[in-house]
């Protein structure tokens, strides 16, 4: 891929959990706080989720010496197979919706789910997309660990 033309992120993973449970991990505040941010702290009292079309979500990742707020709006909620929402951090210009995240879940077996993740928008530089992709991979490692615990 031509890195200078990069306009998003594509990650596909097979998660060792039923599709309903993976969807819940994306939509339940306690679950979401446990894995979003990877190994960083996401205090549950700093998470808000109205998982309905047009509903808003927000959370704050806390690392030593800094807080990183994220927020967005749910555009599509089709349990348990699809979730579409916007994503903004404090660096995003106020006049843009932010990046659009699409998560599609396909049941592979009773105990495994293919998760197709896409982030689009073209608002980030190629370097920012590369860093964001590394971040998502770490988050998904934490998601795997969370779901492995039951």
N, C-alpha and C. Protein backbone atom coordinates (compact mmCIF):
# COMPACT_ATOMS: atom_id res chain seq x y z
N UNK A 1 0.84 -1.18 0.00
CA UNK A 1 0.00 0.00 0.00
C UNK A 1 0.88 1.24 0.00
N UNK A 2 0.47 2.20 -0.73
CA UNK A 2 1.17 3.48 -0.74
C UNK A 2 0.83 4.22 0.55
N UNK A 3 1.79 4.30 1.46
CA UNK A 3 1.54 4.87 2.78
C UNK A 3 1.08 6.32 2.70
N UNK A 4 1.54 7.06 1.69
CA UNK A 4 1.14 8.47 1.61
C UNK A 4 -0.33 8.61 1.23
N UNK A 5 -0.94 7.57 0.66
CA UNK A 5 -2.34 7.65 0.27
C UNK A 5 -3.25 6.99 1.31
N UNK A 6 -2.71 6.61 2.43
CA UNK A 6 -3.48 5.89 3.43
C UNK A 6 -4.63 6.75 3.95
N UNK A 7 -5.83 6.17 3.99
CA UNK A 7 -7.00 6.90 4.44
C UNK A 7 -7.77 6.17 5.52
N UNK A 8 -7.17 5.15 6.11
CA UNK A 8 -7.91 4.44 7.15
C UNK A 8 -7.15 3.25 7.67
N UNK A 9 -7.89 2.44 8.42
CA UNK A 9 -7.34 1.25 9.07
C UNK A 9 -8.28 0.09 8.79
N UNK A 10 -7.70 -1.07 8.50
CA UNK A 10 -8.44 -2.32 8.34
C UNK A 10 -7.76 -3.39 9.17
N UNK A 11 -8.51 -3.98 10.09
CA UNK A 11 -7.99 -5.06 10.93
C UNK A 11 -9.05 -6.15 10.96
N UNK A 12 -8.63 -7.39 10.72
CA UNK A 12 -9.52 -8.54 10.86
C UNK A 12 -8.91 -9.49 11.87
N UNK A 13 -9.72 -9.91 12.82
CA UNK A 13 -9.28 -10.84 13.85
C UNK A 13 -10.36 -11.88 14.09
N UNK A 14 -9.93 -13.06 14.51
CA UNK A 14 -10.86 -14.05 15.00
C UNK A 14 -10.73 -14.05 16.52
N UNK A 15 -11.86 -13.80 17.16
CA UNK A 15 -11.91 -13.67 18.62
C UNK A 15 -12.52 -14.94 19.19
N UNK A 16 -11.90 -15.48 20.23
CA UNK A 16 -12.35 -16.74 20.83
C UNK A 16 -13.49 -16.49 21.82
N UNK A 17 -14.64 -16.09 21.26
CA UNK A 17 -15.83 -15.85 22.06
C UNK A 17 -17.04 -15.83 21.12
N UNK A 18 -18.22 -16.15 21.65
CA UNK A 18 -19.43 -16.07 20.82
C UNK A 18 -19.70 -14.63 20.36
N UNK A 19 -20.35 -14.51 19.24
CA UNK A 19 -20.61 -13.19 18.65
C UNK A 19 -21.37 -12.28 19.62
N UNK A 20 -22.38 -12.78 20.31
CA UNK A 20 -23.13 -11.95 21.27
C UNK A 20 -22.20 -11.37 22.33
N UNK A 21 -21.25 -12.17 22.79
CA UNK A 21 -20.33 -11.72 23.84
C UNK A 21 -19.37 -10.66 23.31
N UNK A 22 -18.91 -10.81 22.06
CA UNK A 22 -18.02 -9.81 21.47
C UNK A 22 -18.77 -8.50 21.29
N UNK A 23 -20.02 -8.57 20.82
CA UNK A 23 -20.82 -7.35 20.66
C UNK A 23 -21.01 -6.66 22.01
N UNK A 24 -21.28 -7.45 23.03
CA UNK A 24 -21.44 -6.90 24.38
C UNK A 24 -20.17 -6.19 24.84
N UNK A 25 -19.01 -6.73 24.50
CA UNK A 25 -17.74 -6.11 24.89
C UNK A 25 -17.57 -4.74 24.25
N UNK A 26 -18.21 -4.52 23.11
CA UNK A 26 -18.17 -3.22 22.43
C UNK A 26 -19.21 -2.25 22.96
N UNK A 27 -20.26 -2.76 23.63
CA UNK A 27 -21.40 -1.91 23.95
C UNK A 27 -21.72 -1.80 25.44
N UNK A 28 -21.08 -2.57 26.29
CA UNK A 28 -21.28 -2.49 27.73
C UNK A 28 -20.18 -1.62 28.33
N UNK A 29 -20.53 -0.57 29.08
CA UNK A 29 -19.50 0.34 29.60
C UNK A 29 -18.39 -0.35 30.40
N UNK A 30 -18.74 -1.29 31.25
CA UNK A 30 -17.71 -1.97 32.05
C UNK A 30 -16.76 -2.78 31.16
N UNK A 31 -17.32 -3.51 30.21
CA UNK A 31 -16.48 -4.26 29.27
C UNK A 31 -15.61 -3.33 28.44
N UNK A 32 -16.23 -2.29 27.88
CA UNK A 32 -15.52 -1.37 26.99
C UNK A 32 -14.35 -0.71 27.74
N UNK A 33 -14.61 -0.27 28.97
CA UNK A 33 -13.56 0.36 29.78
C UNK A 33 -12.43 -0.61 30.08
N UNK A 34 -12.75 -1.90 30.16
CA UNK A 34 -11.73 -2.89 30.52
C UNK A 34 -10.73 -3.14 29.40
N UNK A 35 -11.13 -2.93 28.14
CA UNK A 35 -10.20 -3.23 27.05
C UNK A 35 -9.82 -2.03 26.21
N UNK A 36 -10.70 -1.04 26.08
CA UNK A 36 -10.35 0.14 25.27
C UNK A 36 -9.25 0.89 26.02
N UNK A 37 -8.19 1.13 25.35
CA UNK A 37 -7.04 1.77 25.99
C UNK A 37 -5.92 0.78 26.25
N UNK A 38 -6.15 -0.49 25.92
CA UNK A 38 -5.11 -1.49 26.14
C UNK A 38 -4.79 -1.60 27.61
N UNK A 39 -3.53 -1.40 27.95
CA UNK A 39 -3.11 -1.51 29.35
C UNK A 39 -3.28 -0.21 30.13
N UNK A 40 -3.69 0.86 29.46
CA UNK A 40 -3.93 2.14 30.14
C UNK A 40 -5.22 2.04 30.95
N UNK A 41 -5.37 2.94 31.91
CA UNK A 41 -6.55 2.95 32.77
C UNK A 41 -7.68 3.74 32.12
N UNK A 42 -8.87 3.16 32.12
CA UNK A 42 -10.07 3.86 31.69
C UNK A 42 -11.06 3.75 32.85
N UNK A 43 -11.10 4.79 33.71
CA UNK A 43 -12.00 4.74 34.87
C UNK A 43 -13.46 4.61 34.43
N UNK A 44 -14.17 3.68 35.03
CA UNK A 44 -15.56 3.43 34.64
C UNK A 44 -16.43 4.67 34.81
N UNK A 45 -16.10 5.52 35.80
CA UNK A 45 -16.90 6.73 35.99
C UNK A 45 -16.62 7.79 34.92
N UNK A 46 -15.67 7.51 34.02
CA UNK A 46 -15.36 8.43 32.91
C UNK A 46 -15.84 7.86 31.58
N UNK A 47 -16.72 6.84 31.64
CA UNK A 47 -17.28 6.21 30.44
C UNK A 47 -18.78 6.48 30.39
N UNK A 48 -19.25 6.90 29.23
CA UNK A 48 -20.67 7.13 29.00
C UNK A 48 -21.02 6.52 27.65
N UNK A 49 -22.09 5.71 27.61
CA UNK A 49 -22.47 5.06 26.35
C UNK A 49 -23.99 5.01 26.23
N UNK A 50 -24.52 5.65 25.20
CA UNK A 50 -25.92 5.54 24.83
C UNK A 50 -25.94 4.80 23.50
N UNK A 51 -25.94 3.48 23.57
CA UNK A 51 -25.75 2.64 22.38
C UNK A 51 -27.06 2.51 21.61
N UNK A 52 -27.44 3.62 20.99
CA UNK A 52 -28.61 3.69 20.12
C UNK A 52 -28.23 4.60 18.95
N UNK A 53 -28.85 4.42 17.80
CA UNK A 53 -28.54 5.32 16.68
C UNK A 53 -28.77 6.78 17.10
N UNK A 54 -27.74 7.59 16.93
CA UNK A 54 -27.79 8.98 17.35
C UNK A 54 -27.33 9.21 18.77
N UNK A 55 -27.15 8.12 19.53
CA UNK A 55 -26.68 8.22 20.91
C UNK A 55 -25.19 8.54 20.95
N UNK A 56 -24.77 9.17 22.03
CA UNK A 56 -23.37 9.55 22.16
C UNK A 56 -22.61 8.61 23.09
N UNK A 57 -21.30 8.56 22.86
CA UNK A 57 -20.41 7.80 23.76
C UNK A 57 -19.21 8.68 24.05
N UNK A 58 -18.59 8.42 25.19
CA UNK A 58 -17.35 9.11 25.53
C UNK A 58 -16.61 8.30 26.57
N UNK A 59 -15.30 8.49 26.59
CA UNK A 59 -14.47 7.90 27.64
C UNK A 59 -13.17 8.66 27.72
N UNK A 60 -12.46 8.44 28.81
CA UNK A 60 -11.17 9.08 29.01
C UNK A 60 -10.16 8.01 29.38
N UNK A 61 -9.08 7.96 28.60
CA UNK A 61 -7.94 7.08 28.91
C UNK A 61 -7.00 7.90 29.78
N UNK A 62 -6.61 7.31 30.91
CA UNK A 62 -5.72 8.00 31.83
C UNK A 62 -4.36 7.30 31.84
N UNK A 63 -3.34 8.06 31.50
CA UNK A 63 -1.96 7.56 31.57
C UNK A 63 -1.19 8.52 32.48
N UNK A 64 -0.06 8.10 33.03
CA UNK A 64 0.67 8.99 33.93
C UNK A 64 0.91 10.37 33.30
N UNK A 65 0.38 11.37 33.96
CA UNK A 65 0.60 12.74 33.51
C UNK A 65 -0.32 13.24 32.42
N UNK A 66 -1.26 12.43 31.97
CA UNK A 66 -2.12 12.88 30.87
C UNK A 66 -3.46 12.16 30.88
N UNK A 67 -4.44 12.86 30.32
CA UNK A 67 -5.75 12.27 30.07
C UNK A 67 -6.03 12.41 28.59
N UNK A 68 -6.58 11.36 28.00
CA UNK A 68 -6.89 11.37 26.57
C UNK A 68 -8.38 11.09 26.39
N UNK A 69 -9.18 12.13 26.18
CA UNK A 69 -10.62 11.94 25.97
C UNK A 69 -10.94 11.55 24.53
N UNK A 70 -11.91 10.66 24.39
CA UNK A 70 -12.44 10.25 23.10
C UNK A 70 -13.96 10.33 23.17
N UNK A 71 -14.60 10.62 22.04
CA UNK A 71 -16.05 10.65 22.02
C UNK A 71 -16.56 10.47 20.59
N UNK A 72 -17.85 10.25 20.49
CA UNK A 72 -18.46 10.10 19.18
C UNK A 72 -19.94 9.85 19.28
N UNK A 73 -20.52 9.50 18.15
CA UNK A 73 -21.96 9.27 18.03
C UNK A 73 -22.17 7.93 17.32
N UNK A 74 -23.11 7.14 17.85
CA UNK A 74 -23.46 5.87 17.19
C UNK A 74 -24.32 6.18 15.98
N UNK A 75 -23.92 5.65 14.84
CA UNK A 75 -24.68 5.85 13.61
C UNK A 75 -25.54 4.64 13.28
N UNK A 76 -25.06 3.45 13.63
CA UNK A 76 -25.80 2.22 13.36
C UNK A 76 -25.52 1.24 14.49
N UNK A 77 -26.59 0.63 15.00
CA UNK A 77 -26.46 -0.40 16.03
C UNK A 77 -27.35 -1.55 15.60
N UNK A 78 -26.72 -2.62 15.12
CA UNK A 78 -27.44 -3.81 14.66
C UNK A 78 -26.91 -5.01 15.42
N UNK A 79 -27.43 -5.21 16.64
CA UNK A 79 -26.96 -6.30 17.49
C UNK A 79 -27.33 -7.64 16.88
N UNK A 80 -26.45 -8.61 16.93
CA UNK A 80 -25.07 -8.54 17.41
C UNK A 80 -24.04 -8.51 16.28
N UNK A 81 -24.45 -8.02 15.10
CA UNK A 81 -23.53 -8.17 13.97
C UNK A 81 -22.81 -6.90 13.51
N UNK A 82 -23.30 -5.71 13.85
CA UNK A 82 -22.68 -4.52 13.26
C UNK A 82 -22.85 -3.31 14.16
N UNK A 83 -21.78 -2.53 14.21
CA UNK A 83 -21.77 -1.30 14.99
C UNK A 83 -21.00 -0.25 14.18
N UNK A 84 -21.60 0.93 14.02
CA UNK A 84 -20.95 2.01 13.30
C UNK A 84 -21.03 3.25 14.19
N UNK A 85 -19.88 3.89 14.42
CA UNK A 85 -19.88 5.08 15.25
C UNK A 85 -18.75 6.02 14.83
N UNK A 86 -18.89 7.29 15.19
CA UNK A 86 -17.83 8.24 14.94
C UNK A 86 -16.88 8.25 16.12
N UNK A 87 -15.66 8.69 15.84
CA UNK A 87 -14.59 8.70 16.84
C UNK A 87 -13.80 10.00 16.69
N UNK A 88 -13.72 10.74 17.78
CA UNK A 88 -12.93 11.97 17.80
C UNK A 88 -12.11 12.01 19.07
N UNK A 89 -10.95 12.62 18.98
CA UNK A 89 -10.17 12.92 20.17
C UNK A 89 -10.00 14.43 20.23
N UNK A 90 -9.28 14.91 21.23
CA UNK A 90 -9.20 16.37 21.41
C UNK A 90 -8.45 17.07 20.28
N UNK A 91 -7.68 16.32 19.48
CA UNK A 91 -6.93 16.95 18.38
C UNK A 91 -7.79 17.16 17.13
N UNK A 92 -8.97 16.54 17.08
CA UNK A 92 -9.83 16.65 15.90
C UNK A 92 -10.45 18.04 15.82
N UNK A 93 -10.47 18.63 14.64
CA UNK A 93 -11.12 19.94 14.49
C UNK A 93 -12.60 19.86 14.88
N UNK A 94 -13.10 20.91 15.46
CA UNK A 94 -14.49 20.94 15.93
C UNK A 94 -15.50 20.79 14.80
N UNK A 95 -15.12 21.18 13.58
CA UNK A 95 -16.07 21.17 12.47
C UNK A 95 -16.10 19.87 11.68
N UNK A 96 -15.45 18.80 12.17
CA UNK A 96 -15.52 17.51 11.49
C UNK A 96 -16.20 16.50 12.41
N UNK A 97 -16.88 15.53 11.79
CA UNK A 97 -17.54 14.48 12.57
C UNK A 97 -16.53 13.55 13.22
N UNK A 98 -15.35 13.50 12.66
CA UNK A 98 -14.34 12.56 13.15
C UNK A 98 -14.25 11.37 12.23
N UNK A 99 -13.50 10.40 12.66
CA UNK A 99 -13.35 9.17 11.91
C UNK A 99 -14.61 8.31 12.09
N UNK A 100 -14.91 7.49 11.11
CA UNK A 100 -16.03 6.54 11.22
C UNK A 100 -15.46 5.15 11.44
N UNK A 101 -15.91 4.51 12.51
CA UNK A 101 -15.49 3.15 12.84
C UNK A 101 -16.65 2.21 12.54
N UNK A 102 -16.34 1.13 11.82
CA UNK A 102 -17.32 0.09 11.53
C UNK A 102 -16.78 -1.23 12.06
N UNK A 103 -17.58 -1.90 12.87
CA UNK A 103 -17.21 -3.20 13.41
C UNK A 103 -18.27 -4.19 12.94
N UNK A 104 -17.83 -5.21 12.19
CA UNK A 104 -18.73 -6.24 11.69
C UNK A 104 -18.33 -7.57 12.31
N UNK A 105 -19.29 -8.24 12.92
CA UNK A 105 -19.03 -9.49 13.62
C UNK A 105 -19.74 -10.63 12.91
N UNK A 106 -18.98 -11.67 12.58
CA UNK A 106 -19.52 -12.84 11.90
C UNK A 106 -19.21 -14.07 12.73
N UNK A 107 -20.25 -14.80 13.07
CA UNK A 107 -20.06 -16.01 13.87
C UNK A 107 -19.33 -17.06 13.03
N UNK A 108 -18.20 -17.54 13.56
CA UNK A 108 -17.44 -18.59 12.88
C UNK A 108 -17.83 -19.96 13.44
N UNK A 109 -18.07 -20.01 14.74
CA UNK A 109 -18.55 -21.21 15.42
C UNK A 109 -19.23 -20.72 16.70
N UNK A 110 -19.70 -21.64 17.52
CA UNK A 110 -20.36 -21.21 18.76
C UNK A 110 -19.40 -20.47 19.69
N UNK A 111 -18.10 -20.67 19.49
CA UNK A 111 -17.12 -20.08 20.40
C UNK A 111 -16.10 -19.19 19.71
N UNK A 112 -16.35 -18.81 18.47
CA UNK A 112 -15.41 -17.89 17.81
C UNK A 112 -16.15 -16.96 16.85
N UNK A 113 -15.61 -15.77 16.75
CA UNK A 113 -16.23 -14.70 15.97
C UNK A 113 -15.17 -13.99 15.15
N UNK A 114 -15.45 -13.79 13.88
CA UNK A 114 -14.57 -12.96 13.07
C UNK A 114 -15.00 -11.51 13.26
N UNK A 115 -14.03 -10.68 13.65
CA UNK A 115 -14.27 -9.26 13.85
C UNK A 115 -13.54 -8.49 12.76
N UNK A 116 -14.30 -7.78 11.92
CA UNK A 116 -13.72 -6.94 10.88
C UNK A 116 -13.88 -5.50 11.33
N UNK A 117 -12.76 -4.84 11.52
CA UNK A 117 -12.71 -3.47 12.01
C UNK A 117 -12.23 -2.56 10.90
N UNK A 118 -12.94 -1.46 10.69
CA UNK A 118 -12.52 -0.45 9.72
C UNK A 118 -12.64 0.93 10.35
N UNK A 119 -11.64 1.75 10.11
CA UNK A 119 -11.70 3.15 10.52
C UNK A 119 -11.42 3.98 9.28
N UNK A 120 -12.33 4.88 8.97
CA UNK A 120 -12.22 5.72 7.79
C UNK A 120 -12.48 7.17 8.16
N UNK A 121 -12.09 8.04 7.27
CA UNK A 121 -12.37 9.45 7.45
C UNK A 121 -11.37 10.33 6.74
N UNK A 122 -10.13 9.88 6.69
CA UNK A 122 -9.12 10.66 6.00
C UNK A 122 -8.68 11.91 6.75
N UNK A 123 -8.99 11.95 8.05
CA UNK A 123 -8.64 13.13 8.84
C UNK A 123 -7.25 13.03 9.46
N UNK A 124 -6.61 11.87 9.37
CA UNK A 124 -5.31 11.66 10.00
C UNK A 124 -4.21 11.57 8.94
N UNK A 125 -3.00 11.87 9.34
CA UNK A 125 -1.86 11.68 8.44
C UNK A 125 -1.54 10.19 8.37
N UNK A 126 -0.77 9.76 7.38
CA UNK A 126 -0.38 8.35 7.33
C UNK A 126 0.31 7.90 8.63
N UNK A 127 1.12 8.78 9.21
CA UNK A 127 1.81 8.43 10.46
C UNK A 127 0.81 8.28 11.60
N UNK A 128 -0.20 9.14 11.63
CA UNK A 128 -1.22 9.04 12.68
C UNK A 128 -2.05 7.77 12.51
N UNK A 129 -2.36 7.41 11.25
CA UNK A 129 -3.08 6.15 11.03
C UNK A 129 -2.24 4.96 11.48
N UNK A 130 -0.95 4.98 11.19
CA UNK A 130 -0.08 3.88 11.61
C UNK A 130 -0.06 3.77 13.13
N UNK A 131 0.05 4.90 13.82
CA UNK A 131 0.05 4.90 15.28
C UNK A 131 -1.30 4.44 15.82
N UNK A 132 -2.39 4.90 15.19
CA UNK A 132 -3.73 4.49 15.63
C UNK A 132 -3.93 2.99 15.42
N UNK A 133 -3.41 2.47 14.31
CA UNK A 133 -3.54 1.03 14.06
C UNK A 133 -2.79 0.24 15.13
N UNK A 134 -1.59 0.69 15.49
CA UNK A 134 -0.85 0.03 16.57
C UNK A 134 -1.66 0.08 17.86
N UNK A 135 -2.30 1.22 18.12
CA UNK A 135 -3.14 1.35 19.31
C UNK A 135 -4.30 0.38 19.30
N UNK A 136 -5.01 0.31 18.17
CA UNK A 136 -6.13 -0.63 18.08
C UNK A 136 -5.67 -2.07 18.27
N UNK A 137 -4.52 -2.42 17.69
CA UNK A 137 -4.02 -3.79 17.86
C UNK A 137 -3.80 -4.10 19.35
N UNK A 138 -3.24 -3.12 20.09
CA UNK A 138 -3.05 -3.31 21.54
C UNK A 138 -4.40 -3.41 22.25
N UNK A 139 -5.36 -2.57 21.83
CA UNK A 139 -6.69 -2.64 22.42
C UNK A 139 -7.30 -4.02 22.18
N UNK A 140 -7.14 -4.54 20.96
CA UNK A 140 -7.73 -5.83 20.63
C UNK A 140 -7.03 -6.98 21.36
N UNK A 141 -5.75 -6.83 21.65
CA UNK A 141 -5.07 -7.81 22.52
C UNK A 141 -5.75 -7.82 23.89
N UNK A 142 -6.06 -6.63 24.40
CA UNK A 142 -6.75 -6.52 25.70
C UNK A 142 -8.16 -7.08 25.61
N UNK A 143 -8.83 -6.88 24.47
CA UNK A 143 -10.16 -7.44 24.25
C UNK A 143 -10.08 -8.96 24.28
N UNK A 144 -9.10 -9.54 23.59
CA UNK A 144 -8.91 -10.99 23.60
C UNK A 144 -8.75 -11.50 25.03
N UNK A 145 -7.92 -10.80 25.81
CA UNK A 145 -7.67 -11.20 27.21
C UNK A 145 -8.95 -11.10 28.03
N UNK A 146 -9.70 -10.03 27.84
CA UNK A 146 -10.96 -9.83 28.56
C UNK A 146 -11.93 -10.96 28.25
N UNK A 147 -12.07 -11.32 26.99
CA UNK A 147 -13.02 -12.36 26.60
C UNK A 147 -12.55 -13.75 26.99
N UNK A 148 -11.24 -13.93 27.09
CA UNK A 148 -10.70 -15.23 27.52
C UNK A 148 -11.03 -15.49 29.00
N UNK A 149 -11.20 -14.39 29.75
CA UNK A 149 -11.54 -14.52 31.17
C UNK A 149 -13.01 -14.86 31.39
N UNK A 150 -13.76 -14.92 30.30
CA UNK A 150 -15.17 -15.27 30.41
C UNK A 150 -16.00 -14.08 30.22
